[in-house]
Structures are given as structure tokens and as C-alpha cells.
């Protein structure tokens, strides 16, 4: 069995592996603006969409403008447009489009439209995980070349902080032999603060044979500022410093250790009217502070559209990487590609 087949099997196992949502008690209520009461398990709210699990109906999506109020005894992390973060349960409000939360010893009514994100603070370890799995593949008979793209992210959420793992693997096989490899894996810890600020500590490893990178390790420290964060978009800036260790594909070349600055701009949008379309994008710039004059740039675009329900999506991932001074000067200083993908959202 070749490596491509193994990766596909692992992906399918994750797709069909039964989630333990049955452990969650479906005791939350959403009051619709038409007066209907939806009883179930409140999963999350992002970009104006409430993800809700109902007995017999499965997972449904409720758009924020159609919600009159919310009732739940569970604890939630509530992120507001103005950057404030609350931790509270929900009590019903007599005013349409509002909900009552507890802040300290007081209860206040807030507008649901002013809420950007809602995430349950779950006690069960496994139920704190959420993420996205994407798979794309292509085969050319003329060259017997199989291309596999496997990407995704997984988040473990705690009160005021989260651990995030992201990966993007682009592998090409020819007659069971790996001929090209462009991969990147990052693990980060993020801590939320007031006024839309958060800190970031991360570790990453990557490989890009097109640019002559056999292996690169990075340790990153920085901060993130949400410039705009509402029910349909997020625009943020990140800055920091990165420690790097890099090994060239040239086996005779020594490993290099450097320090680099890190600047990233990200913009995500979500249209929750049918068809439901999302776009995630980011642009990174790393000027090297030590060693030879050098800088790197990276661009990622990931549009997608929902099919069947909000858990399944189809789309593509475009990536572009530029290195002004790659370790192997005989190779190209840029790499780019596009992968068509099927994705599954884990709530």
C-alpha cells in the first residue's frame, strides 16, 4: 500500500468516525422571531451563523437575524464587536434580538447583533475540539503521477485561550515514489485579551523541495490585533519575531540558524445567505534580521461554498511562496499551486 492510499484512508476514517455529540445534553433553546422554540445543543456562533444540533433533524444552521433570544444554562465564551469578552450563560430577554448575560453580580441585556462569536466552554475534553479537514487529489495516467493535497486545522478551546494545529500537505507520487513535497505544519497557543488583542506562541515545521528547503523549523512569538470583527468578516494584523533553523536539500550545505521579523495580514469573509460562500485569505512577510539579506513572502487564498449542509464544503486552496535568497541558488525562488478540495467541518 503506497503513502497516498494511506493518507486517503486516514482522511476517510476521520470523516466517518462517529463524534461523541451524544454526550451533550440537548437542553438549549433558541426562540425564533416567528415564535417557534428550537430545543437542542448550541454548538457555536460564527459569522452570523448559529450551529445547532437538534434531535431527529441533525445539525442545522440558524441565521442571527432570525433569532429573538437564546436560553441556556451552559457557560459560553462571548466575543463582542467592541472587543469585550464575556463568560456567561444565557437568559431570555423580553426585547426581540437581545439576550441577558451575567457579568459579575449584575445581569445585563445585550444585542445579539453585537455578538461576533459564541463558543461553549465544555467540560468534556474531547468536546472542546473543533476543526476542518480537506482533501484533494489528481492523477495523470500519461506520467503515472498522483498528486495529493491534505490540509486542515484543529482547535482545542479553553476559557480565554486556545491551542490550534494547522497543516497543509501537497505531495506528488510517481510509481509509489515521492517526487515532490511541499508541506507545512504549525501548532500555536493563543491567549485572548481585551480590546481585540491576543498573544501568540507557535512552533512550526515545513518542507519545500521546489525552493530547496529540506526541512525548516520555526519558533514564533507575537501578537494579533483584530481591526474589524463582525458577523460577516474579520480583518486582522499580526506581528512578531521568528527563530528559524533551516536545512537545504543540498546535503553538503550546513544548516542555517536565523532570526526574522514576522508580519501577517488576514481577511476572512462569510456570506450566510444561500449559496453560503466563505473566503479565508492571508499574506505573510518575513524580513530576515540576521545572516545574508533575505526576505520571504507567502499568500494563501481559500474560497469555499457549502453543499448538502454547512458541514460539507467544496472549494480550492491557492498558495504562493517567494524566497528572495533560497538556500540552493540553482533552484527556483518561487512556488505556487492550486488544489481543488472537499472539506468537512468538525463542530
Protein backbone atom coordinates (compact mmCIF):
# COMPACT_ATOMS: atom_id res chain seq x y z
CA UNK A 1 0.00 0.00 0.00
CA UNK A 2 1.54 3.34 -1.07
CA UNK A 3 1.62 6.51 1.03
CA UNK A 4 -1.10 8.24 -0.98
CA UNK A 5 -3.54 5.40 -0.24
CA UNK A 6 -2.67 5.53 3.47
CA UNK A 7 -3.35 9.28 3.62
CA UNK A 8 -6.71 8.84 1.88
CA UNK A 9 -7.75 6.04 4.24
CA UNK A 10 -6.84 8.12 7.30
CA UNK A 11 -8.85 11.05 5.95
CA UNK A 12 -11.91 8.87 5.32
CA UNK A 13 -11.67 7.40 8.82
CA UNK A 14 -11.72 10.91 10.28
CA UNK A 15 -14.67 11.81 8.05
CA UNK A 16 -16.87 8.93 9.14
CA UNK A 17 -15.63 8.44 12.71
CA UNK A 18 -18.66 8.98 14.98
CA UNK A 19 -18.44 12.11 17.04
CA UNK A 20 -19.37 11.93 20.67
CA UNK A 21 -22.02 14.62 20.45
CA UNK A 22 -24.48 12.22 22.04
CA UNK A 23 -22.80 13.02 25.36
CA UNK A 24 -24.08 16.58 25.14
CA UNK A 25 -27.46 17.25 26.70
CA UNK A 26 -29.80 19.00 24.27
CA UNK A 27 -31.21 21.48 26.77
CA UNK A 28 -30.56 24.79 24.97
CA UNK A 29 -33.37 26.81 23.38
CA UNK A 30 -33.43 29.30 20.53
CA UNK A 31 -36.55 31.43 20.26
CA UNK A 32 -37.20 32.21 16.59
CA UNK A 33 -38.58 35.61 15.62
CA UNK A 34 -41.77 33.83 14.47
CA UNK A 35 -42.26 32.45 17.99
CA UNK A 36 -41.09 28.88 17.35
CA UNK A 37 -38.90 27.31 20.04
CA UNK A 38 -35.93 25.21 18.84
CA UNK A 39 -34.62 22.85 21.53
CA UNK A 40 -31.23 21.24 21.07
CA UNK A 41 -27.48 21.63 21.66
CA UNK A 42 -25.92 25.04 20.95
CA UNK A 43 -22.61 24.27 19.17
CA UNK A 44 -21.26 27.72 18.25
CA UNK A 45 -21.93 31.03 16.52
CA UNK A 46 -19.55 32.44 13.92
CA UNK A 47 -20.02 34.98 11.11
CA UNK A 48 -23.71 35.41 11.94
CA UNK A 49 -24.48 31.67 11.80
CA UNK A 50 -25.56 29.61 14.82
CA UNK A 51 -24.71 25.92 14.50
CA UNK A 52 -27.33 23.93 16.38
CA UNK A 53 -27.82 20.19 16.97
CA UNK A 54 -31.45 19.01 17.16
CA UNK A 55 -32.77 15.55 17.92
CA UNK A 56 -34.04 13.91 14.73
CA UNK A 57 -33.05 16.84 12.48
CA UNK A 58 -29.30 16.66 12.95
CA UNK A 59 -27.14 19.77 12.75
CA UNK A 60 -28.87 22.88 11.42
CA UNK A 61 -27.80 26.48 10.82
CA UNK A 62 -29.80 29.45 12.11
CA UNK A 63 -29.03 32.93 10.83
CA UNK A 64 -28.59 35.57 13.53
CA UNK A 65 -31.29 38.00 12.22
CA UNK A 66 -33.94 35.30 12.77
CA UNK A 67 -33.08 34.77 16.46
CA UNK A 68 -35.28 36.54 19.01
CA UNK A 69 -33.40 35.31 22.10
CA UNK A 70 -31.38 32.37 23.49
CA UNK A 71 -31.80 30.26 26.64
CA UNK A 72 -29.03 28.05 28.05
CA UNK A 73 -27.60 27.17 31.46
CA UNK A 74 -24.22 26.24 29.95
CA UNK A 75 -21.24 28.58 30.10
CA UNK A 76 -20.17 30.31 26.90
CA UNK A 77 -17.31 32.46 25.71
CA UNK A 78 -18.99 35.52 24.13
CA UNK A 79 -16.88 37.82 21.92
CA UNK A 80 -18.38 41.23 21.14
CA UNK A 81 -17.80 43.61 18.23
CA UNK A 82 -16.21 46.16 20.59
CA UNK A 83 -13.61 43.60 21.72
CA UNK A 84 -15.13 42.78 25.10
CA UNK A 85 -15.23 39.12 26.11
CA UNK A 86 -17.87 37.70 28.46
CA UNK A 87 -18.21 34.30 30.10
CA UNK A 88 -21.82 33.59 30.95
CA UNK A 89 -24.93 31.52 30.41
CA UNK A 90 -27.96 32.91 28.51
CA UNK A 91 -31.29 34.03 29.90
CA UNK A 92 -34.22 35.15 27.72
CA UNK A 93 -34.85 38.83 27.10
CA UNK A 94 -38.25 40.43 26.58
CA UNK A 95 -36.72 42.56 23.82
CA UNK A 96 -36.50 40.91 20.40
CA UNK A 97 -32.92 40.34 19.24
CA UNK A 98 -31.44 40.56 22.74
CA UNK A 99 -30.22 38.13 25.40
CA UNK A 100 -29.43 38.51 29.10
CA UNK A 101 -25.98 37.57 30.40
CA UNK A 102 -24.38 37.78 33.84
CA UNK A 103 -21.32 39.98 34.37
CA UNK A 104 -20.05 39.68 37.91
CA UNK A 105 -23.04 40.14 40.20
CA UNK A 106 -25.10 42.03 37.61
CA UNK A 107 -27.28 40.91 34.72
CA UNK A 108 -27.28 42.94 31.53
CA UNK A 109 -29.15 42.67 28.24
CA UNK A 110 -27.01 42.71 25.09
CA UNK A 111 -27.96 42.75 21.41
CA UNK A 112 -27.34 39.50 19.58
CA UNK A 113 -26.28 41.57 16.55
CA UNK A 114 -23.37 42.94 18.64
CA UNK A 115 -22.02 39.43 19.25
CA UNK A 116 -19.26 38.23 16.90
CA UNK A 117 -18.61 34.72 18.22
CA UNK A 118 -20.12 32.34 20.79
CA UNK A 119 -18.30 29.18 21.88
CA UNK A 120 -19.41 26.79 24.63
CA UNK A 121 -16.92 26.25 27.46
CA UNK A 122 -17.28 22.49 27.50
CA UNK A 123 -16.19 20.34 30.40
CA UNK A 124 -15.67 17.19 28.38
CA UNK A 125 -12.10 17.06 26.98
CA UNK A 126 -12.99 15.71 23.52
CA UNK A 127 -15.93 18.05 23.00
CA UNK A 128 -13.63 21.08 23.20
CA UNK A 129 -12.20 20.18 19.78
CA UNK A 130 -13.38 21.68 16.50
CA UNK A 131 -11.80 21.95 13.10
CA UNK A 132 -11.79 21.38 9.38
CA UNK A 133 -10.47 18.53 7.21
CA UNK A 134 -9.85 18.99 3.46
CA UNK A 135 -8.74 16.51 0.82
CA UNK A 136 -7.88 16.96 -2.84
CA UNK A 137 -6.31 14.59 -5.35
CA UNK A 138 -5.35 14.36 -9.02
CA UNK A 139 -3.98 11.57 -11.23
CA UNK A 140 -2.32 11.81 -14.67
CA UNK A 141 -2.11 8.46 -16.50
CA UNK A 142 0.40 9.74 -19.06
CA UNK A 143 3.02 10.37 -16.38
CA UNK A 144 1.64 7.97 -13.73
CA UNK A 145 1.73 10.95 -11.38
CA UNK A 146 -0.58 11.12 -8.35
CA UNK A 147 -0.95 14.45 -6.54
CA UNK A 148 -2.47 14.52 -3.06
CA UNK A 149 -3.40 17.63 -1.07
CA UNK A 150 -4.42 17.18 2.56
CA UNK A 151 -4.98 20.26 4.71
CA UNK A 152 -6.94 21.26 7.76
CA UNK A 153 -6.97 22.73 11.22
CA UNK A 154 -7.93 21.60 14.70
CA UNK A 155 -8.69 23.85 17.68
CA UNK A 156 -8.83 22.97 21.36
CA UNK A 157 -10.63 25.77 23.16
CA UNK A 158 -10.39 26.72 26.82
CA UNK A 159 -11.55 29.82 28.67
CA UNK A 160 -9.56 32.82 27.36
CA UNK A 161 -7.14 30.63 25.39
CA UNK A 162 -6.91 28.03 22.64
CA UNK A 163 -4.48 25.60 21.07
CA UNK A 164 -4.52 25.46 17.27
CA UNK A 165 -2.93 22.99 14.85
CA UNK A 166 -2.89 23.69 11.10
CA UNK A 167 -1.40 21.66 8.31
CA UNK A 168 -1.09 21.89 4.53
CA UNK A 169 0.46 18.91 2.75
CA UNK A 170 0.98 18.87 -1.03
CA UNK A 171 2.56 15.57 -2.07
CA UNK A 172 3.27 14.14 -5.54
CA UNK A 173 3.92 10.43 -6.09
CA UNK A 174 5.16 8.65 -9.21
CA UNK A 175 5.19 4.84 -9.20
CA UNK A 176 4.97 4.76 -5.38
CA UNK A 177 7.91 7.17 -5.03
CA UNK A 178 7.64 10.65 -3.55
CA UNK A 179 8.89 13.07 -6.22
CA UNK A 180 7.92 16.47 -4.78
CA UNK A 181 6.92 17.66 -1.32
CA UNK A 182 5.53 21.00 -0.18
CA UNK A 183 4.28 20.72 3.38
CA UNK A 184 3.74 22.93 6.40
CA UNK A 185 2.59 22.13 9.94
CA UNK A 186 2.07 24.71 12.71
CA UNK A 187 1.00 24.42 16.34
CA UNK A 188 0.11 27.63 18.19
CA UNK A 189 -1.18 28.77 21.56
CA UNK A 190 -3.31 31.91 21.61
CA UNK A 191 -4.37 33.94 24.63
CA UNK A 192 -7.27 36.42 24.37
CA UNK A 193 -7.10 39.89 25.93
CA UNK A 194 -9.35 42.93 25.96
CA UNK A 195 -9.69 45.46 23.12
CA UNK A 196 -9.36 42.80 20.41
CA UNK A 197 -5.76 41.87 21.29
CA UNK A 198 -4.33 38.37 21.69
CA UNK A 199 -0.85 36.91 22.17
CA UNK A 200 0.62 34.14 20.07
CA UNK A 201 3.24 31.47 20.72
CA UNK A 202 3.86 28.91 17.99
CA UNK A 203 6.09 26.18 16.64
CA UNK A 204 6.21 25.08 13.01
CA UNK A 205 7.95 22.77 10.60
CA UNK A 206 7.91 22.89 6.81
CA UNK A 207 9.46 21.46 3.67
CA UNK A 208 9.57 22.79 0.10
CA UNK A 209 11.76 20.91 -2.34
CA UNK A 210 10.90 23.37 -5.13
CA UNK A 211 12.72 26.08 -3.15
CA UNK A 212 15.48 23.77 -1.94
CA UNK A 213 14.21 23.52 1.66
CA UNK A 214 14.69 20.01 3.02
CA UNK A 215 13.46 20.99 6.49
CA UNK A 216 12.73 24.26 8.27
CA UNK A 217 11.82 24.69 11.96
CA UNK A 218 10.43 27.90 13.40
CA UNK A 219 9.59 29.24 16.87
CA UNK A 220 7.31 32.29 16.76
CA UNK A 221 6.30 34.87 19.36
CA UNK A 222 3.90 37.68 18.56
CA UNK A 223 0.60 39.49 18.97
CA UNK A 224 -2.64 39.71 16.97
CA UNK A 225 -4.93 42.73 16.68
CA UNK A 226 -8.45 42.40 15.27
CA UNK A 227 -9.03 45.58 13.27
CA UNK A 228 -12.57 44.60 12.29
CA UNK A 229 -14.52 41.60 13.53
CA UNK A 230 -18.25 41.29 12.89
CA UNK A 231 -20.89 38.78 11.84
CA UNK A 232 -19.71 38.58 8.23
CA UNK A 233 -15.98 39.34 8.18
CA UNK A 234 -12.74 39.51 10.11
CA UNK A 235 -9.71 41.69 9.31
CA UNK A 236 -6.63 41.31 11.50
CA UNK A 237 -2.94 42.18 11.74
CA UNK A 238 -0.24 40.08 13.39
CA UNK A 239 3.36 40.90 14.16
CA UNK A 240 6.21 39.25 15.97
CA UNK A 241 9.59 37.61 15.73
CA UNK A 242 10.58 34.18 14.46
CA UNK A 243 13.58 31.98 15.27
CA UNK A 244 14.48 29.71 12.34
CA UNK A 245 16.61 26.65 11.69
CA UNK A 246 16.86 25.56 8.06
CA UNK A 247 18.44 22.63 6.21
CA UNK A 248 18.94 22.79 2.45
CA UNK A 249 18.25 19.93 0.03
CA UNK A 250 21.99 20.22 -0.74
CA UNK A 251 23.38 17.62 1.64
CA UNK A 252 26.80 19.32 1.62
CA UNK A 253 25.42 22.64 2.85
CA UNK A 254 25.39 23.32 6.62
CA UNK A 255 22.18 24.11 8.48
CA UNK A 256 21.43 27.82 8.98
CA UNK A 257 20.05 29.47 12.12
CA UNK A 258 18.45 32.90 11.75
CA UNK A 259 16.09 35.44 13.27
CA UNK A 260 13.35 37.08 11.22
CA UNK A 261 10.55 39.56 11.71
CA UNK A 262 7.00 38.34 11.12
CA UNK A 263 4.13 40.42 9.69
CA UNK A 264 0.80 38.92 8.63
CA UNK A 265 -2.42 40.43 7.30
CA UNK A 266 -5.56 38.28 7.23
CA UNK A 267 -9.05 38.81 5.85
CA UNK A 268 -11.93 36.33 6.18
CA UNK A 269 -15.47 36.84 4.87
CA UNK A 270 -18.63 34.78 5.10
CA UNK A 271 -21.94 35.18 3.23
CA UNK A 272 -24.64 33.30 5.13
CA UNK A 273 -27.42 33.70 2.58
CA UNK A 274 -27.73 30.86 0.06
CA UNK A 275 -25.41 29.91 -1.54
CA UNK A 276 -23.24 30.05 1.59
CA UNK A 277 -19.79 31.20 0.47
CA UNK A 278 -16.67 31.71 2.59
CA UNK A 279 -13.22 33.11 1.85
CA UNK A 280 -10.14 32.82 4.05
CA UNK A 281 -7.01 34.68 3.00
CA UNK A 282 -3.72 35.82 4.48
CA UNK A 283 -0.47 37.45 3.34
CA UNK A 284 2.79 36.97 5.27
CA UNK A 285 6.10 38.84 5.09
CA UNK A 286 9.30 37.74 6.87
CA UNK A 287 12.36 40.05 6.64
CA UNK A 288 15.49 38.29 7.91
CA UNK A 289 17.30 40.13 10.73
CA UNK A 290 20.47 38.00 10.68
CA UNK A 291 22.61 36.36 8.01
CA UNK A 292 22.52 37.33 4.34
CA UNK A 293 20.00 39.85 3.03
CA UNK A 294 16.80 37.89 2.54
CA UNK A 295 13.03 38.04 2.84
CA UNK A 296 10.16 35.61 2.28
CA UNK A 297 6.53 36.12 1.32
CA UNK A 298 3.54 33.82 1.36
CA UNK A 299 -0.03 34.19 0.08
CA UNK A 300 -2.96 31.83 0.75
CA UNK A 301 -6.49 32.04 -0.68
CA UNK A 302 -9.13 29.50 0.31
CA UNK A 303 -12.67 30.15 -1.03
CA UNK A 304 -15.38 27.53 -0.46
CA UNK A 305 -19.12 27.01 -0.84
CA UNK A 306 -21.39 24.82 1.32
CA UNK A 307 -23.03 21.73 -0.15
CA UNK A 308 -25.65 19.42 1.44
CA UNK A 309 -25.36 21.30 4.74
CA UNK A 310 -22.95 23.68 6.45
CA UNK A 311 -20.56 20.84 7.37
CA UNK A 312 -19.59 19.88 3.81
CA UNK A 313 -17.82 22.36 1.56
CA UNK A 314 -16.15 22.37 -1.84
CA UNK A 315 -13.56 24.90 -2.92
CA UNK A 316 -9.91 25.34 -3.69
CA UNK A 317 -6.73 26.42 -1.97
CA UNK A 318 -4.26 28.67 -3.82
CA UNK A 319 -0.79 29.20 -2.39
CA UNK A 320 2.16 31.32 -3.49
CA UNK A 321 5.58 31.35 -1.83
CA UNK A 322 8.54 33.61 -2.65
CA UNK A 323 12.08 33.49 -1.26
CA UNK A 324 14.47 36.27 -2.31
CA UNK A 325 17.54 34.22 -1.44
CA UNK A 326 16.78 30.46 -1.24
CA UNK A 327 19.46 28.20 0.25
CA UNK A 328 20.03 26.47 -3.10
CA UNK A 329 20.56 29.23 -5.68
CA UNK A 330 20.28 26.74 -8.57
CA UNK A 331 16.58 26.21 -7.82
CA UNK A 332 13.59 28.49 -8.27
CA UNK A 333 12.88 31.26 -5.75
CA UNK A 334 9.07 30.92 -6.06
CA UNK A 335 6.47 28.18 -5.81
CA UNK A 336 2.71 28.25 -6.36
CA UNK A 337 -0.16 25.86 -6.86
CA UNK A 338 -3.90 25.36 -6.68
CA UNK A 339 -5.75 22.39 -5.15
CA UNK A 340 -9.45 21.65 -5.51
CA UNK A 341 -10.72 20.23 -2.23
CA UNK A 342 -13.64 18.63 -0.44
CA UNK A 343 -13.87 19.73 3.19
CA UNK A 344 -15.71 18.56 6.30
CA UNK A 345 -16.28 20.81 9.31
CA UNK A 346 -15.97 19.23 12.77
CA UNK A 347 -18.01 21.19 15.31
